[in-house]
Amino acid sequence: MKTSWYEATARDRIAGLLDPGSFIEILPPQSRLRSPHLEPLGSPAAFDDGVIVGKGVLDGRSILLAAQEGGFMGGAVGEVHGAKITGLLERALDERPDGVLLLLESGGVRLHEANAGLIAVSEIMRAMLNLRAAALPVIVLDGGRYGVFGGMGIAARLASYIVMSEEGRLGLSGPEVIEATVGVEEFDASDRPLVWRTVGGKHRYLIGEASALVSDEIAAFRQQAICGLSNGSVLDLGEVEMEHARLKDRLARFGASHDALDIWAALGASDPDTLPVLDVKEFHEAADKLRIVS
């Protein structure tokens, strides 16, 4: 069994994350639930449409789970893909499990299914907000090679608990989209250190957008997912207003910064250039006292 979250498939991650033998898939590949939009355009289809949904047990507690497969169209969301995730989230509201796990890896909406994909993401977001209003923990795990961008990047920030590895990335727009929009002089998508310190797990953890930063191991994600089951706070108007206040303060503090290194220095890092090369344990020792706690 693979131990690296980054290298694993969605099914590998599920197998290593949950209690052995506990996962029951809903709408498995045998159901042949495929996107109706891909084959007419000459694009390959998948019998699970790139997302696995089901129920299982995590550390003895009941969970519902959705896992996007980055190896199929970069985890992009289409009509059927999104409907499977939404259906799972709505099921959680009826069944009231101990938590919902979202193993996200997505570049955003499929261009082949643009409008249908956008609607699907909006339905996912609404379902997540309903779960948060009901105080059900929604835990996002982000550490795959394609990151979490676009609509699913927005949806991820609606979760009650976000676990990232350094290799994970989280943002509204992917690096290539940013480069195409503002130019390579402003943001070079081929500059891997720049990309990772801008949208990577270490930066998201430092500015309070990731709840936990873990090493690239399925076991480490499992341990933090268990912790996330105890973080099912209600998302109400008061919490939204507090988040707006935190964002306003962050903009005031760091709005003039041109690079994540500037932000880390402003947070008090004595040598911000060294943070990207530290392993997870060393990074926590250096950075936990600096991070913004949301």
C-alpha atoms as a PDB file:
ATOM      1  CA  MET A   1       0.000   0.000   0.000  1.00  0.00           C
ATOM      2  CA  LYS A   2       1.282   3.476  -0.866  1.00  0.00           C
ATOM      3  CA  THR A   3       2.136   5.703   2.084  1.00  0.00           C
ATOM      4  CA  SER A   4       2.561   9.030   0.236  1.00  0.00           C
ATOM      5  CA  TRP A   5      -0.656  11.010  -0.087  1.00  0.00           C
ATOM      6  CA  TYR A   6       0.762  12.932  -3.049  1.00  0.00           C
ATOM      7  CA  GLU A   7       1.573   9.770  -5.006  1.00  0.00           C
ATOM      8  CA  ALA A   8      -1.557   7.811  -4.084  1.00  0.00           C
ATOM      9  CA  THR A   9      -4.759   7.491  -6.087  1.00  0.00           C
ATOM     10  CA  ALA A  10      -8.086   8.454  -4.550  1.00  0.00           C
ATOM     11  CA  ARG A  11      -8.816   4.796  -3.823  1.00  0.00           C
ATOM     12  CA  ASP A  12      -5.389   4.320  -2.217  1.00  0.00           C
ATOM     13  CA  ARG A  13      -6.070   7.288   0.053  1.00  0.00           C
ATOM     14  CA  ILE A  14      -9.433   5.929   1.142  1.00  0.00           C
ATOM     15  CA  ALA A  15      -7.941   2.519   1.912  1.00  0.00           C
ATOM     16  CA  GLY A  16      -5.189   4.013   4.062  1.00  0.00           C
ATOM     17  CA  LEU A  17      -7.377   6.608   5.741  1.00  0.00           C
ATOM     18  CA  LEU A  18     -10.328   4.591   7.020  1.00  0.00           C
ATOM     19  CA  ASP A  19     -10.552   1.670   9.419  1.00  0.00           C
ATOM     20  CA  PRO A  20      -9.713  -1.491   7.439  1.00  0.00           C
ATOM     21  CA  GLY A  21     -12.571  -2.974   5.449  1.00  0.00           C
ATOM     22  CA  SER A  22     -15.091  -0.341   6.522  1.00  0.00           C
ATOM     23  CA  PHE A  23     -15.635   1.556   3.275  1.00  0.00           C
ATOM     24  CA  ILE A  24     -18.869   0.987   1.363  1.00  0.00           C
ATOM     25  CA  GLU A  25     -18.965   2.768  -1.992  1.00  0.00           C
ATOM     26  CA  ILE A  26     -22.136   4.439  -3.211  1.00  0.00           C
ATOM     27  CA  LEU A  27     -22.599   4.476  -6.997  1.00  0.00           C
ATOM     28  CA  PRO A  28     -19.442   2.433  -7.707  1.00  0.00           C
ATOM     29  CA  PRO A  29     -17.999   2.061 -11.225  1.00  0.00           C
ATOM     30  CA  GLN A  30     -20.346  -0.865 -11.882  1.00  0.00           C
ATOM     31  CA  SER A  31     -23.199   1.656 -11.865  1.00  0.00           C
ATOM     32  CA  ARG A  32     -21.710   3.189 -15.044  1.00  0.00           C
ATOM     33  CA  LEU A  33     -22.736   6.685 -13.942  1.00  0.00           C
ATOM     34  CA  ARG A  34     -20.768   8.697 -16.503  1.00  0.00           C
ATOM     35  CA  SER A  35     -20.886  12.271 -17.698  1.00  0.00           C
ATOM     36  CA  PRO A  36     -23.169  12.601 -20.739  1.00  0.00           C
ATOM     37  CA  HIS A  37     -21.097  15.516 -22.057  1.00  0.00           C
ATOM     38  CA  LEU A  38     -17.638  14.034 -22.571  1.00  0.00           C
ATOM     39  CA  GLU A  39     -17.984  11.285 -25.167  1.00  0.00           C
ATOM     40  CA  PRO A  40     -19.862  13.461 -27.714  1.00  0.00           C
ATOM     41  CA  LEU A  41     -16.861  15.819 -27.558  1.00  0.00           C
ATOM     42  CA  GLY A  42     -14.387  12.998 -28.037  1.00  0.00           C
ATOM     43  CA  SER A  43     -13.117  13.151 -24.443  1.00  0.00           C
ATOM     44  CA  PRO A  44     -12.482  10.034 -22.348  1.00  0.00           C
ATOM     45  CA  ALA A  45     -15.057   9.151 -19.717  1.00  0.00           C
ATOM     46  CA  ALA A  46     -14.752   7.285 -16.414  1.00  0.00           C
ATOM     47  CA  PHE A  47     -17.309   4.966 -14.892  1.00  0.00           C
ATOM     48  CA  ASP A  48     -17.123   6.838 -11.572  1.00  0.00           C
ATOM     49  CA  ASP A  49     -16.758  10.242 -13.308  1.00  0.00           C
ATOM     50  CA  GLY A  50     -13.606  10.959 -11.349  1.00  0.00           C
ATOM     51  CA  VAL A  51     -15.041  10.958  -7.840  1.00  0.00           C
ATOM     52  CA  ILE A  52     -15.651   8.213  -5.281  1.00  0.00           C
ATOM     53  CA  VAL A  53     -18.384   8.603  -2.657  1.00  0.00           C
ATOM     54  CA  GLY A  54     -19.407   6.341   0.177  1.00  0.00           C
ATOM     55  CA  LYS A  55     -19.532   5.661   3.899  1.00  0.00           C
ATOM     56  CA  GLY A  56     -17.048   4.153   6.301  1.00  0.00           C
ATOM     57  CA  VAL A  57     -15.502   4.232   9.741  1.00  0.00           C
ATOM     58  CA  LEU A  58     -12.638   6.421  10.968  1.00  0.00           C
ATOM     59  CA  ASP A  59     -11.199   5.530  14.356  1.00  0.00           C
ATOM     60  CA  GLY A  60     -14.460   3.815  15.252  1.00  0.00           C
ATOM     61  CA  ARG A  61     -16.641   6.743  14.204  1.00  0.00           C
ATOM     62  CA  SER A  62     -19.055   6.850  11.283  1.00  0.00           C
ATOM     63  CA  ILE A  63     -18.222   9.109   8.369  1.00  0.00           C
ATOM     64  CA  LEU A  64     -19.346   9.875   4.843  1.00  0.00           C
ATOM     65  CA  LEU A  65     -16.597  10.508   2.332  1.00  0.00           C
ATOM     66  CA  ALA A  66     -15.999  11.901  -1.152  1.00  0.00           C
ATOM     67  CA  ALA A  67     -12.613  11.566  -2.861  1.00  0.00           C
ATOM     68  CA  GLN A  68     -11.735  13.293  -6.127  1.00  0.00           C
ATOM     69  CA  GLU A  69      -9.396  11.469  -8.509  1.00  0.00           C
ATOM     70  CA  GLY A  70      -6.851  13.945  -9.824  1.00  0.00           C
ATOM     71  CA  GLY A  71      -5.688  11.393 -12.370  1.00  0.00           C
ATOM     72  CA  PHE A  72      -8.960  11.841 -14.284  1.00  0.00           C
ATOM     73  CA  MET A  73      -9.152  15.296 -15.873  1.00  0.00           C
ATOM     74  CA  GLY A  74      -7.268  16.817 -12.950  1.00  0.00           C
ATOM     75  CA  GLY A  75     -10.241  16.224 -10.673  1.00  0.00           C
ATOM     76  CA  ALA A  76     -12.282  18.764 -12.629  1.00  0.00           C
ATOM     77  CA  VAL A  77     -15.955  19.082 -11.711  1.00  0.00           C
ATOM     78  CA  GLY A  78     -18.762  18.331 -14.148  1.00  0.00           C
ATOM     79  CA  GLU A  79     -22.479  17.706 -13.797  1.00  0.00           C
ATOM     80  CA  VAL A  80     -22.360  14.080 -12.608  1.00  0.00           C
ATOM     81  CA  HIS A  81     -19.140  14.528 -10.616  1.00  0.00           C
ATOM     82  CA  GLY A  82     -20.661  17.434  -8.709  1.00  0.00           C
ATOM     83  CA  ALA A  83     -24.024  15.722  -8.233  1.00  0.00           C
ATOM     84  CA  LYS A  84     -22.323  12.761  -6.547  1.00  0.00           C
ATOM     85  CA  ILE A  85     -20.608  15.050  -4.033  1.00  0.00           C
ATOM     86  CA  THR A  86     -23.760  17.094  -3.422  1.00  0.00           C
ATOM     87  CA  GLY A  87     -25.827  13.952  -2.955  1.00  0.00           C
ATOM     88  CA  LEU A  88     -23.355  12.684  -0.381  1.00  0.00           C
ATOM     89  CA  LEU A  89     -23.442  15.982   1.543  1.00  0.00           C
ATOM     90  CA  GLU A  90     -27.249  16.014   1.536  1.00  0.00           C
ATOM     91  CA  ARG A  91     -27.259  12.408   2.724  1.00  0.00           C
ATOM     92  CA  ALA A  92     -25.071  13.474   5.648  1.00  0.00           C
ATOM     93  CA  LEU A  93     -27.712  15.964   6.729  1.00  0.00           C
ATOM     94  CA  ASP A  94     -30.233  13.102   6.940  1.00  0.00           C
ATOM     95  CA  GLU A  95     -27.969  10.409   8.424  1.00  0.00           C
ATOM     96  CA  ARG A  96     -25.997  12.645  10.837  1.00  0.00           C
ATOM     97  CA  PRO A  97     -22.643  10.789  10.776  1.00  0.00           C
ATOM     98  CA  ASP A  98     -19.814  11.850  13.058  1.00  0.00           C
ATOM     99  CA  GLY A  99     -18.305  13.798  10.184  1.00  0.00           C
ATOM    100  CA  VAL A 100     -17.837  14.225   6.443  1.00  0.00           C
ATOM    101  CA  LEU A 101     -14.437  13.864   4.790  1.00  0.00           C
ATOM    102  CA  LEU A 102     -13.710  15.571   1.476  1.00  0.00           C
ATOM    103  CA  LEU A 103     -10.502  14.334  -0.137  1.00  0.00           C
ATOM    104  CA  LEU A 104     -10.175  17.152  -2.641  1.00  0.00           C
ATOM    105  CA  GLU A 105      -7.930  17.365  -5.683  1.00  0.00           C
ATOM    106  CA  SER A 106      -9.314  19.567  -8.426  1.00  0.00           C
ATOM    107  CA  GLY A 107      -8.285  22.192 -10.922  1.00  0.00           C
ATOM    108  CA  GLY A 108     -11.839  23.580 -10.952  1.00  0.00           C
ATOM    109  CA  VAL A 109     -14.729  23.206 -13.369  1.00  0.00           C
ATOM    110  CA  ARG A 110     -14.464  21.206 -16.609  1.00  0.00           C
ATOM    111  CA  LEU A 111     -14.408  23.458 -19.631  1.00  0.00           C
ATOM    112  CA  HIS A 112     -16.443  20.780 -21.449  1.00  0.00           C
ATOM    113  CA  GLU A 113     -19.254  21.261 -18.935  1.00  0.00           C
ATOM    114  CA  ALA A 114     -18.753  24.867 -17.944  1.00  0.00           C
ATOM    115  CA  ASN A 115     -22.267  25.935 -16.946  1.00  0.00           C
ATOM    116  CA  ALA A 116     -23.253  22.548 -15.566  1.00  0.00           C
ATOM    117  CA  GLY A 117     -19.999  22.399 -13.621  1.00  0.00           C
ATOM    118  CA  LEU A 118     -20.480  25.872 -12.164  1.00  0.00           C
ATOM    119  CA  ILE A 119     -23.985  24.981 -11.042  1.00  0.00           C
ATOM    120  CA  ALA A 120     -22.638  21.749  -9.527  1.00  0.00           C
ATOM    121  CA  VAL A 121     -20.036  23.642  -7.494  1.00  0.00           C
ATOM    122  CA  SER A 122     -22.662  26.083  -6.223  1.00  0.00           C
ATOM    123  CA  GLU A 123     -24.774  23.127  -5.085  1.00  0.00           C
ATOM    124  CA  ILE A 124     -21.777  21.618  -3.295  1.00  0.00           C
ATOM    125  CA  MET A 125     -21.183  24.909  -1.499  1.00  0.00           C
ATOM    126  CA  ARG A 126     -24.815  25.241  -0.440  1.00  0.00           C
ATOM    127  CA  ALA A 127     -24.819  21.671   0.894  1.00  0.00           C
ATOM    128  CA  MET A 128     -21.596  22.319   2.827  1.00  0.00           C
ATOM    129  CA  LEU A 129     -23.080  25.438   4.398  1.00  0.00           C
ATOM    130  CA  ASN A 130     -26.151  23.456   5.453  1.00  0.00           C
ATOM    131  CA  LEU A 131     -23.913  20.920   7.180  1.00  0.00           C
ATOM    132  CA  ARG A 132     -21.937  23.678   8.914  1.00  0.00           C
ATOM    133  CA  ALA A 133     -25.186  25.267  10.085  1.00  0.00           C
ATOM    134  CA  ALA A 134     -26.092  21.901  11.604  1.00  0.00           C
ATOM    135  CA  ALA A 135     -22.693  21.696  13.408  1.00  0.00           C
ATOM    136  CA  LEU A 136     -21.608  18.616  11.445  1.00  0.00           C
ATOM    137  CA  PRO A 137     -17.810  18.526  10.977  1.00  0.00           C
ATOM    138  CA  VAL A 138     -16.755  18.878   7.332  1.00  0.00           C
ATOM    139  CA  ILE A 139     -13.069  18.038   6.936  1.00  0.00           C
ATOM    140  CA  VAL A 140     -11.061  18.798   3.801  1.00  0.00           C
ATOM    141  CA  LEU A 141      -7.842  16.896   3.071  1.00  0.00           C
ATOM    142  CA  ASP A 142      -5.562  18.541   0.493  1.00  0.00           C
ATOM    143  CA  GLY A 143      -2.218  17.101  -0.556  1.00  0.00           C
ATOM    144  CA  GLY A 144      -2.547  15.890  -4.142  1.00  0.00           C
ATOM    145  CA  ARG A 145      -0.455  16.767  -7.182  1.00  0.00           C
ATOM    146  CA  TYR A 146      -3.193  18.893  -8.813  1.00  0.00           C
ATOM    147  CA  GLY A 147      -3.982  21.012  -5.756  1.00  0.00           C
ATOM    148  CA  VAL A 148      -7.431  22.465  -4.995  1.00  0.00           C
ATOM    149  CA  PHE A 149      -8.358  25.424  -7.183  1.00  0.00           C
ATOM    150  CA  GLY A 150     -11.309  27.158  -8.812  1.00  0.00           C
ATOM    151  CA  GLY A 151     -14.749  26.432  -7.446  1.00  0.00           C
ATOM    152  CA  MET A 152     -13.481  23.641  -5.233  1.00  0.00           C
ATOM    153  CA  GLY A 153     -10.900  26.046  -3.794  1.00  0.00           C
ATOM    154  CA  ILE A 154     -13.792  28.244  -2.675  1.00  0.00           C
ATOM    155  CA  ALA A 155     -15.749  25.239  -1.382  1.00  0.00           C
ATOM    156  CA  ALA A 156     -12.745  24.032   0.618  1.00  0.00           C
ATOM    157  CA  ARG A 157     -12.749  27.230   2.676  1.00  0.00           C
ATOM    158  CA  LEU A 158     -16.309  26.468   3.795  1.00  0.00           C
ATOM    159  CA  ALA A 159     -15.080  23.417   5.701  1.00  0.00           C
ATOM    160  CA  SER A 160     -14.766  23.343   9.465  1.00  0.00           C
ATOM    161  CA  TYR A 161     -11.259  21.848   9.321  1.00  0.00           C
ATOM    162  CA  ILE A 162      -8.653  21.837   6.535  1.00  0.00           C
ATOM    163  CA  VAL A 163      -5.646  19.519   6.580  1.00  0.00           C
ATOM    164  CA  MET A 164      -2.827  20.226   4.122  1.00  0.00           C
ATOM    165  CA  SER A 165       0.624  18.903   3.435  1.00  0.00           C
ATOM    166  CA  GLU A 166       3.423  21.110   2.150  1.00  0.00           C
ATOM    167  CA  GLU A 167       2.796  19.564  -1.275  1.00  0.00           C
ATOM    168  CA  GLY A 168      -0.876  20.553  -1.187  1.00  0.00           C
ATOM    169  CA  ARG A 169      -1.987  23.784  -2.806  1.00  0.00           C
ATOM    170  CA  LEU A 170      -5.116  25.819  -2.275  1.00  0.00           C
ATOM    171  CA  GLY A 171      -6.338  28.877  -4.143  1.00  0.00           C
ATOM    172  CA  LEU A 172      -9.023  30.526  -6.202  1.00  0.00           C
ATOM    173  CA  SER A 173      -7.030  30.436  -9.442  1.00  0.00           C
ATOM    174  CA  GLY A 174      -4.306  28.001 -10.421  1.00  0.00           C
ATOM    175  CA  PRO A 175      -0.788  29.242 -11.233  1.00  0.00           C
ATOM    176  CA  GLU A 176      -1.259  28.923 -15.010  1.00  0.00           C
ATOM    177  CA  VAL A 177      -4.497  30.932 -14.869  1.00  0.00           C
ATOM    178  CA  ILE A 178      -2.828  33.668 -12.833  1.00  0.00           C
ATOM    179  CA  GLU A 179       0.079  33.832 -15.290  1.00  0.00           C
ATOM    180  CA  ALA A 180      -2.282  34.017 -18.259  1.00  0.00           C
ATOM    181  CA  THR A 181      -4.244  36.818 -16.596  1.00  0.00           C
ATOM    182  CA  VAL A 182      -1.505  39.087 -15.238  1.00  0.00           C
ATOM    183  CA  GLY A 183       1.528  38.009 -17.248  1.00  0.00           C
ATOM    184  CA  VAL A 184       4.621  35.932 -16.577  1.00  0.00           C
ATOM    185  CA  GLU A 185       6.488  38.972 -15.267  1.00  0.00           C
ATOM    186  CA  GLU A 186       3.982  39.256 -12.425  1.00  0.00           C
ATOM    187  CA  PHE A 187       3.597  35.535 -11.714  1.00  0.00           C
ATOM    188  CA  ASP A 188       5.683  32.807 -13.335  1.00  0.00           C
ATOM    189  CA  ALA A 189       3.759  29.522 -13.104  1.00  0.00           C
ATOM    190  CA  SER A 190       6.930  27.564 -13.884  1.00  0.00           C
ATOM    191  CA  ASP A 191       8.653  28.984 -10.785  1.00  0.00           C
ATOM    192  CA  ARG A 192       7.869  26.117  -8.403  1.00  0.00           C
ATOM    193  CA  PRO A 193       9.247  27.797  -5.238  1.00  0.00           C
ATOM    194  CA  LEU A 194       7.113  30.873  -5.985  1.00  0.00           C
ATOM    195  CA  VAL A 195       4.002  28.747  -6.570  1.00  0.00           C
ATOM    196  CA  TRP A 196       4.432  26.691  -3.410  1.00  0.00           C
ATOM    197  CA  ARG A 197       5.143  29.648  -1.137  1.00  0.00           C
ATOM    198  CA  THR A 198       2.113  31.466  -2.574  1.00  0.00           C
ATOM    199  CA  VAL A 199      -0.561  28.766  -2.556  1.00  0.00           C
ATOM    200  CA  GLY A 200       1.183  25.857  -0.789  1.00  0.00           C
ATOM    201  CA  GLY A 201       0.398  24.267   2.543  1.00  0.00           C
ATOM    202  CA  LYS A 202       3.010  26.104   4.591  1.00  0.00           C
ATOM    203  CA  HIS A 203       1.735  29.530   3.571  1.00  0.00           C
ATOM    204  CA  ARG A 204      -1.931  28.575   4.006  1.00  0.00           C
ATOM    205  CA  TYR A 205      -1.121  27.275   7.476  1.00  0.00           C
ATOM    206  CA  LEU A 206       0.812  30.413   8.453  1.00  0.00           C
ATOM    207  CA  ILE A 207      -2.003  32.763   7.453  1.00  0.00           C
ATOM    208  CA  GLY A 208      -4.620  30.659   9.231  1.00  0.00           C
ATOM    209  CA  GLU A 209      -6.412  29.156   6.236  1.00  0.00           C
ATOM    210  CA  ALA A 210      -5.279  25.581   6.917  1.00  0.00           C
ATOM    211  CA  SER A 211      -6.095  24.100  10.312  1.00  0.00           C
ATOM    212  CA  ALA A 212      -3.223  21.613  10.253  1.00  0.00           C
ATOM    213  CA  LEU A 213      -0.034  21.043   8.282  1.00  0.00           C
ATOM    214  CA  VAL A 214       1.156  17.432   8.047  1.00  0.00           C
ATOM    215  CA  SER A 215       3.873  15.440   6.334  1.00  0.00           C
ATOM    216  CA  ASP A 216       3.122  13.729   3.029  1.00  0.00           C
ATOM    217  CA  GLU A 217       1.930  10.512   4.630  1.00  0.00           C
ATOM    218  CA  ILE A 218      -1.525   8.964   4.539  1.00  0.00           C
ATOM    219  CA  ALA A 219      -1.144   8.083   8.236  1.00  0.00           C
ATOM    220  CA  ALA A 220      -0.522  11.745   9.082  1.00  0.00           C
ATOM    221  CA  PHE A 221      -3.647  12.815   7.201  1.00  0.00           C
ATOM    222  CA  ARG A 222      -5.614  10.107   9.031  1.00  0.00           C
ATOM    223  CA  GLN A 223      -4.484  11.377  12.445  1.00  0.00           C
ATOM    224  CA  GLN A 224      -5.486  14.957  11.653  1.00  0.00           C
ATOM    225  CA  ALA A 225      -8.790  13.848  10.118  1.00  0.00           C
ATOM    226  CA  ILE A 226      -9.560  12.208  13.463  1.00  0.00           C
ATOM    227  CA  CYS A 227      -8.771  15.516  15.187  1.00  0.00           C
ATOM    228  CA  GLY A 228     -11.088  17.279  12.753  1.00  0.00           C
ATOM    229  CA  LEU A 229     -14.044  15.193  13.890  1.00  0.00           C
ATOM    230  CA  SER A 230     -14.002  17.226  17.110  1.00  0.00           C
ATOM    231  CA  ASN A 231     -14.234  20.531  15.210  1.00  0.00           C
ATOM    232  CA  GLY A 232     -17.871  20.818  14.210  1.00  0.00           C
ATOM    233  CA  SER A 233     -18.577  24.410  15.197  1.00  0.00           C
ATOM    234  CA  VAL A 234     -21.726  26.080  13.881  1.00  0.00           C
ATOM    235  CA  LEU A 235     -21.152  28.508  11.026  1.00  0.00           C
ATOM    236  CA  ASP A 236     -23.553  31.340  11.831  1.00  0.00           C
ATOM    237  CA  LEU A 237     -23.725  35.073  11.163  1.00  0.00           C
ATOM    238  CA  GLY A 238     -21.457  35.826  14.107  1.00  0.00           C
ATOM    239  CA  GLU A 239     -18.720  33.541  12.782  1.00  0.00           C
ATOM    240  CA  VAL A 240     -19.023  35.044   9.285  1.00  0.00           C
ATOM    241  CA  GLU A 241     -18.656  38.561  10.722  1.00  0.00           C
ATOM    242  CA  MET A 242     -15.578  37.458  12.689  1.00  0.00           C
ATOM    243  CA  GLU A 243     -14.060  36.005   9.520  1.00  0.00           C
ATOM    244  CA  HIS A 244     -14.687  39.263   7.668  1.00  0.00           C
ATOM    245  CA  ALA A 245     -12.940  41.124  10.481  1.00  0.00           C
ATOM    246  CA  ARG A 246      -9.960  38.773  10.264  1.00  0.00           C
ATOM    247  CA  LEU A 247      -9.748  39.282   6.494  1.00  0.00           C
ATOM    248  CA  LYS A 248      -9.929  43.048   6.909  1.00  0.00           C
ATOM    249  CA  ASP A 249      -7.097  42.932   9.431  1.00  0.00           C
ATOM    250  CA  ARG A 250      -5.045  40.680   7.156  1.00  0.00           C
ATOM    251  CA  LEU A 251      -5.445  43.061   4.245  1.00  0.00           C
ATOM    252  CA  ALA A 252      -4.399  45.999   6.414  1.00  0.00           C
ATOM    253  CA  ARG A 253      -1.306  44.152   7.635  1.00  0.00           C
ATOM    254  CA  PHE A 254      -0.168  42.525   4.410  1.00  0.00           C
ATOM    255  CA  GLY A 255      -1.897  44.332   1.560  1.00  0.00           C
ATOM    256  CA  ALA A 256       1.338  45.960   0.416  1.00  0.00           C
ATOM    257  CA  SER A 257       3.300  42.697   0.445  1.00  0.00           C
ATOM    258  CA  HIS A 258       4.514  41.457  -2.950  1.00  0.00           C
ATOM    259  CA  ASP A 259       5.554  37.947  -1.926  1.00  0.00           C
ATOM    260  CA  ALA A 260       4.751  35.398   0.760  1.00  0.00           C
ATOM    261  CA  LEU A 261       8.279  35.978   2.084  1.00  0.00           C
ATOM    262  CA  ASP A 262       7.256  39.554   2.910  1.00  0.00           C
ATOM    263  CA  ILE A 263       4.230  38.274   4.827  1.00  0.00           C
ATOM    264  CA  TRP A 264       6.311  35.759   6.764  1.00  0.00           C
ATOM    265  CA  ALA A 265       8.759  38.494   7.698  1.00  0.00           C
ATOM    266  CA  ALA A 266       5.885  40.702   8.849  1.00  0.00           C
ATOM    267  CA  LEU A 267       4.613  37.824  10.987  1.00  0.00           C
ATOM    268  CA  GLY A 268       7.964  37.842  12.757  1.00  0.00           C
ATOM    269  CA  ALA A 269       9.997  35.152  11.005  1.00  0.00           C
ATOM    270  CA  SER A 270      13.644  36.024  11.592  1.00  0.00           C
ATOM    271  CA  ASP A 271      14.777  34.201   8.451  1.00  0.00           C
ATOM    272  CA  PRO A 272      11.749  33.663   6.181  1.00  0.00           C
ATOM    273  CA  ASP A 273      13.876  32.314   3.318  1.00  0.00           C
ATOM    274  CA  THR A 274      14.585  29.175   5.342  1.00  0.00           C
ATOM    275  CA  LEU A 275      10.949  28.219   5.997  1.00  0.00           C
ATOM    276  CA  PRO A 276      10.360  26.516   2.612  1.00  0.00           C
ATOM    277  CA  VAL A 277      13.277  24.112   3.132  1.00  0.00           C
ATOM    278  CA  LEU A 278      12.350  23.000   6.667  1.00  0.00           C
ATOM    279  CA  ASP A 279      10.730  19.606   7.171  1.00  0.00           C
ATOM    280  CA  VAL A 280       7.318  19.579   8.834  1.00  0.00           C
ATOM    281  CA  LYS A 281       8.607  19.095  12.376  1.00  0.00           C
ATOM    282  CA  GLU A 282      11.193  21.863  12.021  1.00  0.00           C
ATOM    283  CA  PHE A 283       8.632  24.119  10.379  1.00  0.00           C
ATOM    284  CA  HIS A 284       6.186  23.704  13.275  1.00  0.00           C
ATOM    285  CA  GLU A 285       8.934  24.513  15.766  1.00  0.00           C
ATOM    286  CA  ALA A 286       9.792  27.700  13.867  1.00  0.00           C
ATOM    287  CA  ALA A 287       6.370  28.816  12.700  1.00  0.00           C
ATOM    288  CA  ASP A 288       3.637  27.777  15.142  1.00  0.00           C
ATOM    289  CA  LYS A 289       4.261  30.803  17.339  1.00  0.00           C
ATOM    290  CA  LEU A 290       4.005  33.087  14.287  1.00  0.00           C
ATOM    291  CA  ARG A 291       0.862  31.839  12.551  1.00  0.00           C
ATOM    292  CA  ILE A 292      -2.451  33.639  12.442  1.00  0.00           C
ATOM    293  CA  VAL A 293      -5.016  31.620  14.383  1.00  0.00           C
ATOM    294  CA  SER A 294      -8.466  31.819  12.829  1.00  0.00           C
END
